[in-house]
Every structure is written in structure tokens, then in C-alpha cells.
Amino acid sequence: LGIDREGCERVIREAGFPVPPKSGCWHCPFARVEEILTLSRQAPERFSLIEQLEADATTTHGPDPYGRPRTQWNDRPASEWRRRAVREDSQGLLEFATDPPCGCYD
């Protein structure tokens, strides 16, 4: 239809609706550190699904080419990201996610 995000926002506003915030896939492999930590804090049940996905992928396909368990985000397993979020929370170092880096939306 030749409409970009700004045009979509204009249509939504003109219809009298609130413009929804940008959102990305909750399991995005391109998530930034802040987004991963926020997911761990705000959606622990979804984060557990990622931990299970990693375990299943390693069981099904074996370790990655370097002999490590398969992971969602680079070379660190989700369990390590969860521990980091807990550690930062206890140290008062909370970080919050912003827009997804890839510009994708739900």
C-alpha cells in the first residue's frame, strides 16, 4: 500500500486510536543486552522457554561447531543471562529495553 510506519501512525491517530509502541519478537536473536535482561525480568516464563529451546537444540543437533551448547544469543546460554539479570538487580544496576534494533514489529 506504500505506507510506512509514520503513515500507519497517522492513520491510527486519525481513527482516534492510541498508537501502539514498537515491539519485536520476544525471542529475537538480534536482541540487545538490555532487551535480553528485561525479558528475563519481565517474562520469566518466556525466558524459560528459550532455555528449553537451547537444551533441545543441543540435544537434537549436537553442540555448535566449537563444541559448545547451542545458544539463542551468541555464545552465552540463557541461564547465564538470567543470572546476570538477577546479579544486576541485586546491585541496583537495572537496565530497560528500548526499541528493537532490527526494527521488526509484532
PDB file of N, CA and C in Angstrom:
ATOM      1  N   LEU A   1       0.801  -1.200   0.000  1.00  0.00           N
ATOM      2  CA  LEU A   1       0.000   0.000   0.000  1.00  0.00           C
ATOM      3  C   LEU A   1       0.846   1.266   0.000  1.00  0.00           C
ATOM      4  N   GLY A   2       2.159   1.116   0.050  1.00  0.00           N
ATOM      5  CA  GLY A   2       3.034   2.277   0.013  1.00  0.00           C
ATOM      6  C   GLY A   2       2.969   3.113   1.277  1.00  0.00           C
ATOM      7  N   ILE A   3       2.714   2.475   2.399  1.00  0.00           N
ATOM      8  CA  ILE A   3       2.633   3.200   3.661  1.00  0.00           C
ATOM      9  C   ILE A   3       3.767   2.752   4.571  1.00  0.00           C
ATOM     10  N   ASP A   4       4.420   3.724   5.210  1.00  0.00           N
ATOM     11  CA  ASP A   4       5.496   3.393   6.147  1.00  0.00           C
ATOM     12  C   ASP A   4       4.954   3.498   7.573  1.00  0.00           C
ATOM     13  N   ARG A   5       5.835   3.340   8.555  1.00  0.00           N
ATOM     14  CA  ARG A   5       5.391   3.389   9.951  1.00  0.00           C
ATOM     15  C   ARG A   5       4.743   4.732  10.291  1.00  0.00           C
ATOM     16  N   GLU A   6       5.338   5.823   9.829  1.00  0.00           N
ATOM     17  CA  GLU A   6       4.771   7.144  10.117  1.00  0.00           C
ATOM     18  C   GLU A   6       3.363   7.270   9.532  1.00  0.00           C
ATOM     19  N   GLY A   7       3.185   6.790   8.313  1.00  0.00           N
ATOM     20  CA  GLY A   7       1.869   6.827   7.695  1.00  0.00           C
ATOM     21  C   GLY A   7       0.873   5.977   8.453  1.00  0.00           C
ATOM     22  N   CYS A   8       1.320   4.834   8.921  1.00  0.00           N
ATOM     23  CA  CYS A   8       0.464   3.946   9.705  1.00  0.00           C
ATOM     24  C   CYS A   8       0.055   4.632  11.004  1.00  0.00           C
ATOM     25  N   GLU A   9       1.011   5.298  11.654  1.00  0.00           N
ATOM     26  CA  GLU A   9       0.698   6.015  12.890  1.00  0.00           C
ATOM     27  C   GLU A   9      -0.331   7.116  12.632  1.00  0.00           C
ATOM     28  N   ARG A  10      -0.191   7.809  11.521  1.00  0.00           N
ATOM     29  CA  ARG A  10      -1.126   8.879  11.166  1.00  0.00           C
ATOM     30  C   ARG A  10      -2.543   8.309  10.999  1.00  0.00           C
ATOM     31  N   VAL A  11      -2.660   7.183  10.290  1.00  0.00           N
ATOM     32  CA  VAL A  11      -3.970   6.550  10.089  1.00  0.00           C
ATOM     33  C   VAL A  11      -4.576   6.153  11.437  1.00  0.00           C
ATOM     34  N   ILE A  12      -3.776   5.604  12.307  1.00  0.00           N
ATOM     35  CA  ILE A  12      -4.266   5.170  13.621  1.00  0.00           C
ATOM     36  C   ILE A  12      -4.750   6.369  14.430  1.00  0.00           C
ATOM     37  N   ARG A  13      -3.939   7.445  14.463  1.00  0.00           N
ATOM     38  CA  ARG A  13      -4.329   8.652  15.205  1.00  0.00           C
ATOM     39  C   ARG A  13      -5.612   9.263  14.641  1.00  0.00           C
ATOM     40  N   GLU A  14      -5.677   9.351  13.312  1.00  0.00           N
ATOM     41  CA  GLU A  14      -6.861   9.941  12.672  1.00  0.00           C
ATOM     42  C   GLU A  14      -8.123   9.131  12.950  1.00  0.00           C
ATOM     43  N   ALA A  15      -7.960   7.842  13.204  1.00  0.00           N
ATOM     44  CA  ALA A  15      -9.110   6.995  13.538  1.00  0.00           C
ATOM     45  C   ALA A  15      -9.475   7.109  15.021  1.00  0.00           C
ATOM     46  N   GLY A  16      -8.663   7.871  15.781  1.00  0.00           N
ATOM     47  CA  GLY A  16      -8.960   8.082  17.193  1.00  0.00           C
ATOM     48  C   GLY A  16      -8.411   7.027  18.126  1.00  0.00           C
ATOM     49  N   PHE A  17      -7.485   6.213  17.636  1.00  0.00           N
ATOM     50  CA  PHE A  17      -6.900   5.166  18.473  1.00  0.00           C
ATOM     51  C   PHE A  17      -5.507   5.577  18.946  1.00  0.00           C
ATOM     52  N   PRO A  18      -5.060   5.019  20.076  1.00  0.00           N
ATOM     53  CA  PRO A  18      -3.693   5.290  20.512  1.00  0.00           C
ATOM     54  C   PRO A  18      -2.699   4.516  19.633  1.00  0.00           C
ATOM     55  N   VAL A  19      -1.574   5.122  19.368  1.00  0.00           N
ATOM     56  CA  VAL A  19      -0.537   4.480  18.557  1.00  0.00           C
ATOM     57  C   VAL A  19       0.199   3.477  19.448  1.00  0.00           C
ATOM     58  N   PRO A  20       0.231   2.212  19.053  1.00  0.00           N
ATOM     59  CA  PRO A  20       0.944   1.216  19.868  1.00  0.00           C
ATOM     60  C   PRO A  20       2.451   1.433  19.788  1.00  0.00           C
ATOM     61  N   PRO A  21       3.180   1.049  20.836  1.00  0.00           N
ATOM     62  CA  PRO A  21       4.635   1.182  20.787  1.00  0.00           C
ATOM     63  C   PRO A  21       5.237   0.161  19.834  1.00  0.00           C
ATOM     64  N   LYS A  22       6.474   0.423  19.417  1.00  0.00           N
ATOM     65  CA  LYS A  22       7.188  -0.556  18.607  1.00  0.00           C
ATOM     66  C   LYS A  22       7.399  -1.799  19.455  1.00  0.00           C
ATOM     67  N   SER A  23       7.372  -2.924  18.818  1.00  0.00           N
ATOM     68  CA  SER A  23       7.628  -4.168  19.530  1.00  0.00           C
ATOM     69  C   SER A  23       8.302  -5.143  18.582  1.00  0.00           C
ATOM     70  N   GLY A  24       9.051  -6.033  19.122  1.00  0.00           N
ATOM     71  CA  GLY A  24       9.733  -7.037  18.323  1.00  0.00           C
ATOM     72  C   GLY A  24       9.403  -8.426  18.841  1.00  0.00           C
ATOM     73  N   CYS A  25       9.860  -9.422  18.153  1.00  0.00           N
ATOM     74  CA  CYS A  25       9.671 -10.788  18.609  1.00  0.00           C
ATOM     75  C   CYS A  25      10.351 -10.946  19.965  1.00  0.00           C
ATOM     76  N   TRP A  26       9.692 -11.541  20.908  1.00  0.00           N
ATOM     77  CA  TRP A  26      10.269 -11.654  22.243  1.00  0.00           C
ATOM     78  C   TRP A  26      11.488 -12.561  22.268  1.00  0.00           C
ATOM     79  N   HIS A  27      11.667 -13.395  21.275  1.00  0.00           N
ATOM     80  CA  HIS A  27      12.808 -14.311  21.229  1.00  0.00           C
ATOM     81  C   HIS A  27      13.806 -13.916  20.139  1.00  0.00           C
ATOM     82  N   CYS A  28      13.836 -12.665  19.765  1.00  0.00           N
ATOM     83  CA  CYS A  28      14.672 -12.185  18.664  1.00  0.00           C
ATOM     84  C   CYS A  28      16.148 -12.505  18.904  1.00  0.00           C
ATOM     85  N   PRO A  29      16.796 -13.177  17.957  1.00  0.00           N
ATOM     86  CA  PRO A  29      18.225 -13.479  18.129  1.00  0.00           C
ATOM     87  C   PRO A  29      19.099 -12.230  18.003  1.00  0.00           C
ATOM     88  N   PHE A  30      18.526 -11.116  17.561  1.00  0.00           N
ATOM     89  CA  PHE A  30      19.273  -9.872  17.419  1.00  0.00           C
ATOM     90  C   PHE A  30      19.015  -8.908  18.570  1.00  0.00           C
ATOM     91  N   ALA A  31      18.421  -9.395  19.645  1.00  0.00           N
ATOM     92  CA  ALA A  31      18.109  -8.549  20.794  1.00  0.00           C
ATOM     93  C   ALA A  31      19.385  -7.970  21.399  1.00  0.00           C
ATOM     94  N   ARG A  32      19.256  -6.748  21.888  1.00  0.00           N
ATOM     95  CA  ARG A  32      20.379  -6.108  22.586  1.00  0.00           C
ATOM     96  C   ARG A  32      20.425  -6.617  24.012  1.00  0.00           C
ATOM     97  N   VAL A  33      21.539  -6.396  24.665  1.00  0.00           N
ATOM     98  CA  VAL A  33      21.734  -6.857  26.037  1.00  0.00           C
ATOM     99  C   VAL A  33      20.592  -6.391  26.930  1.00  0.00           C
ATOM    100  N   GLU A  34      20.222  -5.112  26.840  1.00  0.00           N
ATOM    101  CA  GLU A  34      19.153  -4.582  27.695  1.00  0.00           C
ATOM    102  C   GLU A  34      17.842  -5.327  27.464  1.00  0.00           C
ATOM    103  N   GLU A  35      17.575  -5.687  26.211  1.00  0.00           N
ATOM    104  CA  GLU A  35      16.340  -6.390  25.881  1.00  0.00           C
ATOM    105  C   GLU A  35      16.339  -7.803  26.451  1.00  0.00           C
ATOM    106  N   ILE A  36      17.479  -8.465  26.394  1.00  0.00           N
ATOM    107  CA  ILE A  36      17.580  -9.823  26.938  1.00  0.00           C
ATOM    108  C   ILE A  36      17.367  -9.792  28.449  1.00  0.00           C
ATOM    109  N   LEU A  37      18.010  -8.855  29.117  1.00  0.00           N
ATOM    110  CA  LEU A  37      17.879  -8.761  30.568  1.00  0.00           C
ATOM    111  C   LEU A  37      16.456  -8.389  30.969  1.00  0.00           C
ATOM    112  N   THR A  38      15.830  -7.489  30.229  1.00  0.00           N
ATOM    113  CA  THR A  38      14.455  -7.105  30.517  1.00  0.00           C
ATOM    114  C   THR A  38      13.514  -8.296  30.319  1.00  0.00           C
ATOM    115  N   LEU A  39      13.727  -9.074  29.267  1.00  0.00           N
ATOM    116  CA  LEU A  39      12.909 -10.266  29.046  1.00  0.00           C
ATOM    117  C   LEU A  39      13.027 -11.214  30.230  1.00  0.00           C
ATOM    118  N   SER A  40      14.230 -11.412  30.714  1.00  0.00           N
ATOM    119  CA  SER A  40      14.445 -12.292  31.859  1.00  0.00           C
ATOM    120  C   SER A  40      13.679 -11.803  33.081  1.00  0.00           C
ATOM    121  N   ARG A  41      13.659 -10.493  33.268  1.00  0.00           N
ATOM    122  CA  ARG A  41      12.997  -9.913  34.441  1.00  0.00           C
ATOM    123  C   ARG A  41      11.477  -9.877  34.304  1.00  0.00           C
ATOM    124  N   GLN A  42      10.998  -9.490  33.135  1.00  0.00           N
ATOM    125  CA  GLN A  42       9.571  -9.216  32.967  1.00  0.00           C
ATOM    126  C   GLN A  42       8.767 -10.396  32.432  1.00  0.00           C
ATOM    127  N   ALA A  43       9.429 -11.362  31.830  1.00  0.00           N
ATOM    128  CA  ALA A  43       8.713 -12.517  31.278  1.00  0.00           C
ATOM    129  C   ALA A  43       9.495 -13.803  31.558  1.00  0.00           C
ATOM    130  N   PRO A  44       9.638 -14.151  32.834  1.00  0.00           N
ATOM    131  CA  PRO A  44      10.445 -15.334  33.169  1.00  0.00           C
ATOM    132  C   PRO A  44       9.940 -16.626  32.543  1.00  0.00           C
ATOM    133  N   GLU A  45       8.619 -16.723  32.314  1.00  0.00           N
ATOM    134  CA  GLU A  45       8.078 -17.945  31.708  1.00  0.00           C
ATOM    135  C   GLU A  45       8.530 -18.055  30.248  1.00  0.00           C
ATOM    136  N   ARG A  46       8.585 -16.945  29.541  1.00  0.00           N
ATOM    137  CA  ARG A  46       9.081 -16.966  28.163  1.00  0.00           C
ATOM    138  C   ARG A  46      10.581 -17.240  28.146  1.00  0.00           C
ATOM    139  N   PHE A  47      11.269 -16.662  29.107  1.00  0.00           N
ATOM    140  CA  PHE A  47      12.714 -16.873  29.180  1.00  0.00           C
ATOM    141  C   PHE A  47      13.013 -18.355  29.432  1.00  0.00           C
ATOM    142  N   SER A  48      12.194 -19.005  30.226  1.00  0.00           N
ATOM    143  CA  SER A  48      12.367 -20.445  30.461  1.00  0.00           C
ATOM    144  C   SER A  48      12.180 -21.238  29.176  1.00  0.00           C
ATOM    145  N   LEU A  49      11.277 -20.781  28.303  1.00  0.00           N
ATOM    146  CA  LEU A  49      11.093 -21.453  27.011  1.00  0.00           C
ATOM    147  C   LEU A  49      12.366 -21.362  26.163  1.00  0.00           C
ATOM    148  N   ILE A  50      13.052 -20.240  26.232  1.00  0.00           N
ATOM    149  CA  ILE A  50      14.310 -20.093  25.489  1.00  0.00           C
ATOM    150  C   ILE A  50      15.363 -21.030  26.057  1.00  0.00           C
ATOM    151  N   GLU A  51      15.433 -21.143  27.376  1.00  0.00           N
ATOM    152  CA  GLU A  51      16.373 -22.083  27.992  1.00  0.00           C
ATOM    153  C   GLU A  51      16.090 -23.509  27.519  1.00  0.00           C
ATOM    154  N   GLN A  52      14.804 -23.869  27.452  1.00  0.00           N
ATOM    155  CA  GLN A  52      14.432 -25.204  26.978  1.00  0.00           C
ATOM    156  C   GLN A  52      14.765 -25.377  25.501  1.00  0.00           C
ATOM    157  N   LEU A  53      14.516 -24.334  24.708  1.00  0.00           N
ATOM    158  CA  LEU A  53      14.844 -24.365  23.285  1.00  0.00           C
ATOM    159  C   LEU A  53      16.342 -24.616  23.085  1.00  0.00           C
ATOM    160  N   GLU A  54      17.163 -23.951  23.857  1.00  0.00           N
ATOM    161  CA  GLU A  54      18.612 -24.161  23.752  1.00  0.00           C
ATOM    162  C   GLU A  54      18.981 -25.607  24.073  1.00  0.00           C
ATOM    163  N   ALA A  55      18.418 -26.122  25.148  1.00  0.00           N
ATOM    164  CA  ALA A  55      18.709 -27.505  25.539  1.00  0.00           C
ATOM    165  C   ALA A  55      18.242 -28.487  24.463  1.00  0.00           C
ATOM    166  N   ASP A  56      17.041 -28.264  23.938  1.00  0.00           N
ATOM    167  CA  ASP A  56      16.509 -29.142  22.892  1.00  0.00           C
ATOM    168  C   ASP A  56      17.350 -29.066  21.621  1.00  0.00           C
ATOM    169  N   ALA A  57      17.780 -27.875  21.249  1.00  0.00           N
ATOM    170  CA  ALA A  57      18.599 -27.713  20.041  1.00  0.00           C
ATOM    171  C   ALA A  57      19.931 -28.439  20.183  1.00  0.00           C
ATOM    172  N   THR A  58      20.522 -28.354  21.372  1.00  0.00           N
ATOM    173  CA  THR A  58      21.795 -29.047  21.597  1.00  0.00           C
ATOM    174  C   THR A  58      21.599 -30.553  21.574  1.00  0.00           C
ATOM    175  N   THR A  59      20.511 -31.027  22.179  1.00  0.00           N
ATOM    176  CA  THR A  59      20.222 -32.462  22.182  1.00  0.00           C
ATOM    177  C   THR A  59      19.961 -32.964  20.766  1.00  0.00           C
ATOM    178  N   THR A  60      19.171 -32.216  20.023  1.00  0.00           N
ATOM    179  CA  THR A  60      18.771 -32.638  18.684  1.00  0.00           C
ATOM    180  C   THR A  60      19.895 -32.512  17.657  1.00  0.00           C
ATOM    181  N   HIS A  61      20.621 -31.404  17.705  1.00  0.00           N
ATOM    182  CA  HIS A  61      21.610 -31.108  16.663  1.00  0.00           C
ATOM    183  C   HIS A  61      23.053 -31.209  17.127  1.00  0.00           C
ATOM    184  N   GLY A  62      23.249 -31.510  18.398  1.00  0.00           N
ATOM    185  CA  GLY A  62      24.600 -31.570  18.929  1.00  0.00           C
ATOM    186  C   GLY A  62      25.119 -30.175  19.237  1.00  0.00           C
ATOM    187  N   PRO A  63      26.327 -30.094  19.767  1.00  0.00           N
ATOM    188  CA  PRO A  63      26.898 -28.793  20.100  1.00  0.00           C
ATOM    189  C   PRO A  63      27.168 -27.966  18.840  1.00  0.00           C
ATOM    190  N   ASP A  64      27.456 -26.693  19.053  1.00  0.00           N
ATOM    191  CA  ASP A  64      27.780 -25.822  17.914  1.00  0.00           C
ATOM    192  C   ASP A  64      29.136 -26.233  17.334  1.00  0.00           C
ATOM    193  N   PRO A  65      29.577 -25.628  16.246  1.00  0.00           N
ATOM    194  CA  PRO A  65      30.838 -26.034  15.616  1.00  0.00           C
ATOM    195  C   PRO A  65      32.066 -25.926  16.522  1.00  0.00           C
ATOM    196  N   TYR A  66      31.948 -25.169  17.615  1.00  0.00           N
ATOM    197  CA  TYR A  66      33.068 -25.022  18.545  1.00  0.00           C
ATOM    198  C   TYR A  66      32.952 -25.959  19.743  1.00  0.00           C
ATOM    199  N   GLY A  67      31.954 -26.851  19.711  1.00  0.00           N
ATOM    200  CA  GLY A  67      31.782 -27.825  20.778  1.00  0.00           C
ATOM    201  C   GLY A  67      31.001 -27.312  21.970  1.00  0.00           C
ATOM    202  N   ARG A  68      30.398 -26.136  21.842  1.00  0.00           N
ATOM    203  CA  ARG A  68      29.629 -25.547  22.945  1.00  0.00           C
ATOM    204  C   ARG A  68      28.147 -25.856  22.762  1.00  0.00           C
ATOM    205  N   PRO A  69      27.380 -25.813  23.866  1.00  0.00           N
ATOM    206  CA  PRO A  69      25.929 -25.964  23.728  1.00  0.00           C
ATOM    207  C   PRO A  69      25.368 -24.859  22.829  1.00  0.00           C
ATOM    208  N   ARG A  70      24.298 -25.176  22.120  1.00  0.00           N
ATOM    209  CA  ARG A  70      23.671 -24.172  21.250  1.00  0.00           C
ATOM    210  C   ARG A  70      22.981 -23.118  22.105  1.00  0.00           C
ATOM    211  N   THR A  71      23.082 -21.866  21.674  1.00  0.00           N
ATOM    212  CA  THR A  71      22.522 -20.765  22.444  1.00  0.00           C
ATOM    213  C   THR A  71      21.716 -19.830  21.547  1.00  0.00           C
ATOM    214  N   GLN A  72      20.827 -19.094  22.154  1.00  0.00           N
ATOM    215  CA  GLN A  72      19.995 -18.119  21.452  1.00  0.00           C
ATOM    216  C   GLN A  72      20.783 -16.851  21.114  1.00  0.00           C
ATOM    217  N   TRP A  73      21.612 -16.414  22.050  1.00  0.00           N
ATOM    218  CA  TRP A  73      22.318 -15.144  21.887  1.00  0.00           C
ATOM    219  C   TRP A  73      23.820 -15.364  21.988  1.00  0.00           C
ATOM    220  N   ASN A  74      24.458 -15.392  20.856  1.00  0.00           N
ATOM    221  CA  ASN A  74      25.916 -15.534  20.754  1.00  0.00           C
ATOM    222  C   ASN A  74      26.399 -16.773  21.475  1.00  0.00           C
ATOM    223  N   ASP A  75      27.395 -16.633  22.317  1.00  0.00           N
ATOM    224  CA  ASP A  75      27.976 -17.813  22.960  1.00  0.00           C
ATOM    225  C   ASP A  75      27.590 -17.928  24.434  1.00  0.00           C
ATOM    226  N   ARG A  76      26.575 -17.174  24.862  1.00  0.00           N
ATOM    227  CA  ARG A  76      26.148 -17.232  26.259  1.00  0.00           C
ATOM    228  C   ARG A  76      24.768 -17.871  26.351  1.00  0.00           C
ATOM    229  N   PRO A  77      24.636 -18.906  27.168  1.00  0.00           N
ATOM    230  CA  PRO A  77      23.321 -19.540  27.310  1.00  0.00           C
ATOM    231  C   PRO A  77      22.347 -18.630  28.056  1.00  0.00           C
ATOM    232  N   ALA A  78      21.073 -18.862  27.861  1.00  0.00           N
ATOM    233  CA  ALA A  78      20.037 -18.061  28.518  1.00  0.00           C
ATOM    234  C   ALA A  78      20.198 -18.091  30.030  1.00  0.00           C
ATOM    235  N   SER A  79      20.608 -19.218  30.568  1.00  0.00           N
ATOM    236  CA  SER A  79      20.780 -19.301  32.026  1.00  0.00           C
ATOM    237  C   SER A  79      21.813 -18.285  32.518  1.00  0.00           C
ATOM    238  N   GLU A  80      22.838 -18.020  31.725  1.00  0.00           N
ATOM    239  CA  GLU A  80      23.839 -17.021  32.110  1.00  0.00           C
ATOM    240  C   GLU A  80      23.239 -15.609  32.081  1.00  0.00           C
ATOM    241  N   TRP A  81      22.406 -15.349  31.067  1.00  0.00           N
ATOM    242  CA  TRP A  81      21.740 -14.043  31.009  1.00  0.00           C
ATOM    243  C   TRP A  81      20.802 -13.866  32.196  1.00  0.00           C
ATOM    244  N   ARG A  82      20.107 -14.928  32.598  1.00  0.00           N
ATOM    245  CA  ARG A  82      19.208 -14.854  33.759  1.00  0.00           C
ATOM    246  C   ARG A  82      20.006 -14.537  35.023  1.00  0.00           C
ATOM    247  N   ARG A  83      21.144 -15.211  35.205  1.00  0.00           N
ATOM    248  CA  ARG A  83      21.988 -14.937  36.377  1.00  0.00           C
ATOM    249  C   ARG A  83      22.477 -13.491  36.373  1.00  0.00           C
ATOM    250  N   ARG A  84      22.833 -12.974  35.207  1.00  0.00           N
ATOM    251  CA  ARG A  84      23.294 -11.586  35.113  1.00  0.00           C
ATOM    252  C   ARG A  84      22.177 -10.620  35.512  1.00  0.00           C
ATOM    253  N   ALA A  85      20.959 -10.883  35.051  1.00  0.00           N
ATOM    254  CA  ALA A  85      19.835 -10.011  35.402  1.00  0.00           C
ATOM    255  C   ALA A  85      19.622  -9.997  36.911  1.00  0.00           C
ATOM    256  N   VAL A  86      19.671 -11.162  37.537  1.00  0.00           N
ATOM    257  CA  VAL A  86      19.494 -11.255  38.990  1.00  0.00           C
ATOM    258  C   VAL A  86      20.626 -10.521  39.698  1.00  0.00           C
ATOM    259  N   ARG A  87      21.839 -10.710  39.231  1.00  0.00           N
ATOM    260  CA  ARG A  87      23.005 -10.048  39.837  1.00  0.00           C
ATOM    261  C   ARG A  87      22.881  -8.524  39.732  1.00  0.00           C
ATOM    262  N   GLU A  88      22.512  -8.027  38.551  1.00  0.00           N
ATOM    263  CA  GLU A  88      22.377  -6.583  38.367  1.00  0.00           C
ATOM    264  C   GLU A  88      21.228  -6.023  39.193  1.00  0.00           C
ATOM    265  N   ASP A  89      20.140  -6.780  39.300  1.00  0.00           N
ATOM    266  CA  ASP A  89      19.019  -6.331  40.127  1.00  0.00           C
ATOM    267  C   ASP A  89      19.476  -6.172  41.576  1.00  0.00           C
ATOM    268  N   SER A  90      20.239  -7.127  42.067  1.00  0.00           N
ATOM    269  CA  SER A  90      20.688  -7.080  43.452  1.00  0.00           C
ATOM    270  C   SER A  90      21.704  -5.961  43.679  1.00  0.00           C
ATOM    271  N   GLN A  91      22.357  -5.508  42.609  1.00  0.00           N
ATOM    272  CA  GLN A  91      23.342  -4.430  42.721  1.00  0.00           C
ATOM    273  C   GLN A  91      22.749  -3.072  42.345  1.00  0.00           C
ATOM    274  N   GLY A  92      21.445  -3.058  42.017  1.00  0.00           N
ATOM    275  CA  GLY A  92      20.801  -1.811  41.642  1.00  0.00           C
ATOM    276  C   GLY A  92      21.219  -1.287  40.282  1.00  0.00           C
ATOM    277  N   LEU A  93      21.548  -2.188  39.362  1.00  0.00           N
ATOM    278  CA  LEU A  93      22.014  -1.793  38.038  1.00  0.00           C
ATOM    279  C   LEU A  93      20.980  -2.099  36.962  1.00  0.00           C
ATOM    280  N   LEU A  94      19.711  -1.876  37.255  1.00  0.00           N
ATOM    281  CA  LEU A  94      18.661  -2.205  36.292  1.00  0.00           C
ATOM    282  C   LEU A  94      18.848  -1.461  34.981  1.00  0.00           C
ATOM    283  N   GLU A  95      18.638  -2.176  33.892  1.00  0.00           N
ATOM    284  CA  GLU A  95      18.637  -1.584  32.564  1.00  0.00           C
ATOM    285  C   GLU A  95      17.301  -1.926  31.928  1.00  0.00           C
ATOM    286  N   PHE A  96      16.773  -1.031  31.100  1.00  0.00           N
ATOM    287  CA  PHE A  96      15.488  -1.283  30.471  1.00  0.00           C
ATOM    288  C   PHE A  96      15.623  -1.237  28.968  1.00  0.00           C
ATOM    289  N   ALA A  97      14.841  -2.068  28.299  1.00  0.00           N
ATOM    290  CA  ALA A  97      14.908  -2.186  26.843  1.00  0.00           C
ATOM    291  C   ALA A  97      14.274  -0.975  26.165  1.00  0.00           C
ATOM    292  N   THR A  98      14.746  -0.736  24.961  1.00  0.00           N
ATOM    293  CA  THR A  98      14.160   0.299  24.120  1.00  0.00           C
ATOM    294  C   THR A  98      13.684  -0.373  22.844  1.00  0.00           C
ATOM    295  N   ASP A  99      13.556   0.366  21.776  1.00  0.00           N
ATOM    296  CA  ASP A  99      13.075  -0.209  20.527  1.00  0.00           C
ATOM    297  C   ASP A  99      13.977  -1.339  20.054  1.00  0.00           C
ATOM    298  N   PRO A 100      13.419  -2.349  19.394  1.00  0.00           N
ATOM    299  CA  PRO A 100      14.243  -3.442  18.891  1.00  0.00           C
ATOM    300  C   PRO A 100      15.211  -2.934  17.818  1.00  0.00           C
ATOM    301  N   PRO A 101      16.461  -3.424  17.831  1.00  0.00           N
ATOM    302  CA  PRO A 101      17.455  -2.939  16.888  1.00  0.00           C
ATOM    303  C   PRO A 101      17.144  -3.271  15.439  1.00  0.00           C
ATOM    304  N   CYS A 102      16.384  -4.315  15.224  1.00  0.00           N
ATOM    305  CA  CYS A 102      16.112  -4.733  13.840  1.00  0.00           C
ATOM    306  C   CYS A 102      14.920  -3.998  13.240  1.00  0.00           C
ATOM    307  N   GLY A 103      14.177  -3.255  14.063  1.00  0.00           N
ATOM    308  CA  GLY A 103      13.023  -2.521  13.565  1.00  0.00           C
ATOM    309  C   GLY A 103      11.830  -3.413  13.268  1.00  0.00           C
ATOM    310  N   CYS A 104      11.832  -4.652  13.744  1.00  0.00           N
ATOM    311  CA  CYS A 104      10.702  -5.546  13.481  1.00  0.00           C
ATOM    312  C   CYS A 104       9.587  -5.273  14.494  1.00  0.00           C
ATOM    313  N   TYR A 105       8.405  -5.707  14.152  1.00  0.00           N
ATOM    314  CA  TYR A 105       7.232  -5.457  14.976  1.00  0.00           C
ATOM    315  C   TYR A 105       6.393  -6.710  15.089  1.00  0.00           C
ATOM    316  N   ASP A 106       5.589  -6.777  16.152  1.00  0.00           N
ATOM    317  CA  ASP A 106       4.635  -7.881  16.273  1.00  0.00           C
ATOM    318  C   ASP A 106       3.556  -7.740  15.243  1.00  0.00           C
TER     319      ASP A 106
END
